[in-house]
Amino acid sequence: MRRYLWVGCVTAGLAALLAGCGGGGTPCYKQTPFVSRIVPNLGPAAGGQVVQIVGGKFANRQKLQVSWNTVILDCTLVDDSHINVVVPALRAGRTAPDSVEVRVLANDLESDTPVFYTYAP
């Protein structure tokens, strides 16, 4: 009876995911994302503009979203430290100027410190 040993190759991305970000330690998908700023951080109450959230530990996630005050939004991953998201309209019953808290949700982890976006009048 013949026995075969299958030897597969691992892509660089998967290797990084398994080894951890930056060459060891906790795997990327288990690290808490962080945010440092949102650009631009001011816009119209009607929403609709694309903003970029800057931070880190965004890549290698099965699920990546943005918490915009209490609304969960889909976003576009640019790279490990940049996410683009379309600003929703200011919620009914609220008036500009008004600031909302913005966080990144990655898998089941949420960024500890929020950034703030202000709706201008």
Protein backbone atom coordinates (compact mmCIF):
# COMPACT_ATOMS: atom_id res chain seq x y z
CA MET A 1 0.00 0.00 0.00
CA ARG A 2 1.37 3.37 -0.97
CA ARG A 3 1.05 6.38 1.23
CA TYR A 4 1.34 9.87 -0.09
CA LEU A 5 2.36 12.93 1.80
CA TRP A 6 0.73 16.04 0.44
CA VAL A 7 2.85 19.14 0.75
CA GLY A 8 1.04 22.34 -0.01
CA CYS A 9 2.30 25.84 -0.40
CA VAL A 10 1.15 28.78 1.67
CA THR A 11 0.68 32.20 0.15
CA ALA A 12 2.44 35.13 1.77
CA GLY A 13 -0.91 36.58 2.91
CA LEU A 14 -2.01 33.35 4.55
CA ALA A 15 1.40 32.89 6.13
CA ALA A 16 1.17 36.38 7.62
CA LEU A 17 -2.35 35.66 8.85
CA LEU A 18 -1.26 32.44 10.54
CA ALA A 19 1.99 33.82 11.95
CA GLY A 20 0.57 37.13 13.08
CA CYS A 21 0.95 40.68 11.84
CA GLY A 22 4.51 41.83 11.72
CA GLY A 23 6.09 38.38 11.91
CA GLY A 24 4.75 36.70 15.02
CA GLY A 25 2.46 36.98 17.95
CA THR A 26 -1.31 37.24 17.80
CA PRO A 27 -2.83 36.48 14.38
CA CYS A 28 -4.07 39.59 12.52
CA TYR A 29 -7.71 38.54 12.61
CA LYS A 30 -7.60 38.48 16.43
CA GLN A 31 -5.99 41.90 16.87
CA THR A 32 -8.18 44.85 17.76
CA PRO A 33 -8.30 47.45 14.98
CA PHE A 34 -7.56 51.07 15.83
CA VAL A 35 -8.54 54.39 14.29
CA SER A 36 -6.56 57.62 14.43
CA ARG A 37 -8.47 60.02 12.16
CA ILE A 38 -11.14 60.43 9.53
CA VAL A 39 -10.49 62.52 6.41
CA PRO A 40 -12.36 64.76 5.84
CA ASN A 41 -13.98 64.96 9.26
CA LEU A 42 -16.63 67.51 8.26
CA GLY A 43 -19.34 67.34 5.62
CA PRO A 44 -22.91 68.13 4.59
CA ALA A 45 -25.96 66.89 6.49
CA ALA A 46 -27.17 65.22 3.29
CA GLY A 47 -24.21 62.80 3.45
CA GLY A 48 -23.07 61.02 0.28
CA GLN A 49 -19.38 61.91 0.34
CA VAL A 50 -16.65 59.29 0.61
CA VAL A 51 -14.39 59.63 3.65
CA GLN A 52 -11.28 57.70 4.56
CA ILE A 53 -10.74 56.22 8.00
CA VAL A 54 -7.06 56.00 8.92
CA GLY A 55 -5.80 53.61 11.55
CA GLY A 56 -4.52 50.06 11.48
CA LYS A 57 -5.03 46.31 11.68
CA PHE A 58 -7.83 46.41 9.10
CA ALA A 59 -6.57 43.70 6.72
CA ASN A 60 -7.07 39.91 6.83
CA ARG A 61 -10.62 40.13 8.15
CA GLN A 62 -13.62 38.08 7.11
CA LYS A 63 -15.95 40.89 8.15
CA LEU A 64 -15.01 44.57 8.14
CA GLN A 65 -17.58 47.28 8.79
CA VAL A 66 -17.88 50.78 10.19
CA SER A 67 -20.07 51.77 13.11
CA TRP A 68 -21.37 55.25 12.31
CA ASN A 69 -22.93 56.36 15.58
CA THR A 70 -25.47 53.50 15.80
CA VAL A 71 -25.63 52.60 12.08
CA ILE A 72 -23.50 49.71 10.76
CA LEU A 73 -22.07 50.45 7.29
CA ASP A 74 -20.21 48.41 4.71
CA CYS A 75 -16.85 49.83 3.73
CA THR A 76 -14.05 49.36 1.24
CA LEU A 77 -10.65 48.19 2.41
CA VAL A 78 -7.87 50.21 0.74
CA ASP A 79 -4.98 48.66 2.69
CA ASP A 80 -4.19 47.60 6.25
CA SER A 81 -4.43 51.18 7.51
CA HIS A 82 -7.09 52.81 5.28
CA ILE A 83 -10.83 52.21 4.81
CA ASN A 84 -13.22 54.17 2.59
CA VAL A 85 -16.87 54.58 3.55
CA VAL A 86 -19.81 56.61 2.18
CA VAL A 87 -21.19 59.03 4.77
CA PRO A 88 -24.88 58.45 5.52
CA ALA A 89 -27.30 61.36 5.80
CA LEU A 90 -27.77 62.94 9.21
CA ARG A 91 -30.50 61.02 11.02
CA ALA A 92 -34.02 62.43 11.11
CA GLY A 93 -34.67 64.52 14.19
CA ARG A 94 -31.08 65.71 14.46
CA THR A 95 -29.82 69.04 13.18
CA ALA A 96 -26.43 70.21 12.01
CA PRO A 97 -23.93 70.97 13.36
CA ASP A 98 -23.84 67.52 14.92
CA SER A 99 -20.93 65.18 15.63
CA VAL A 100 -21.15 61.40 15.49
CA GLU A 101 -18.85 58.69 16.79
CA VAL A 102 -17.15 56.48 14.18
CA ARG A 103 -15.50 53.12 14.94
CA VAL A 104 -14.19 50.17 12.93
CA LEU A 105 -15.67 46.70 13.44
CA ALA A 106 -13.43 43.82 12.39
CA ASN A 107 -14.77 40.30 12.87
CA ASP A 108 -16.08 40.53 16.45
CA LEU A 109 -13.67 43.25 17.57
CA GLU A 110 -14.34 46.98 17.79
CA SER A 111 -11.78 49.78 17.78
CA ASP A 112 -11.28 51.09 21.31
CA THR A 113 -11.04 54.79 20.56
CA PRO A 114 -13.51 56.44 18.17
CA VAL A 115 -12.98 59.29 15.76
CA PHE A 116 -15.64 61.92 15.21
CA TYR A 117 -17.32 63.22 12.07
CA THR A 118 -19.22 66.50 12.11
CA TYR A 119 -22.21 67.30 9.94
CA ALA A 120 -22.04 70.96 8.94
CA PRO A 121 -25.13 73.18 8.62
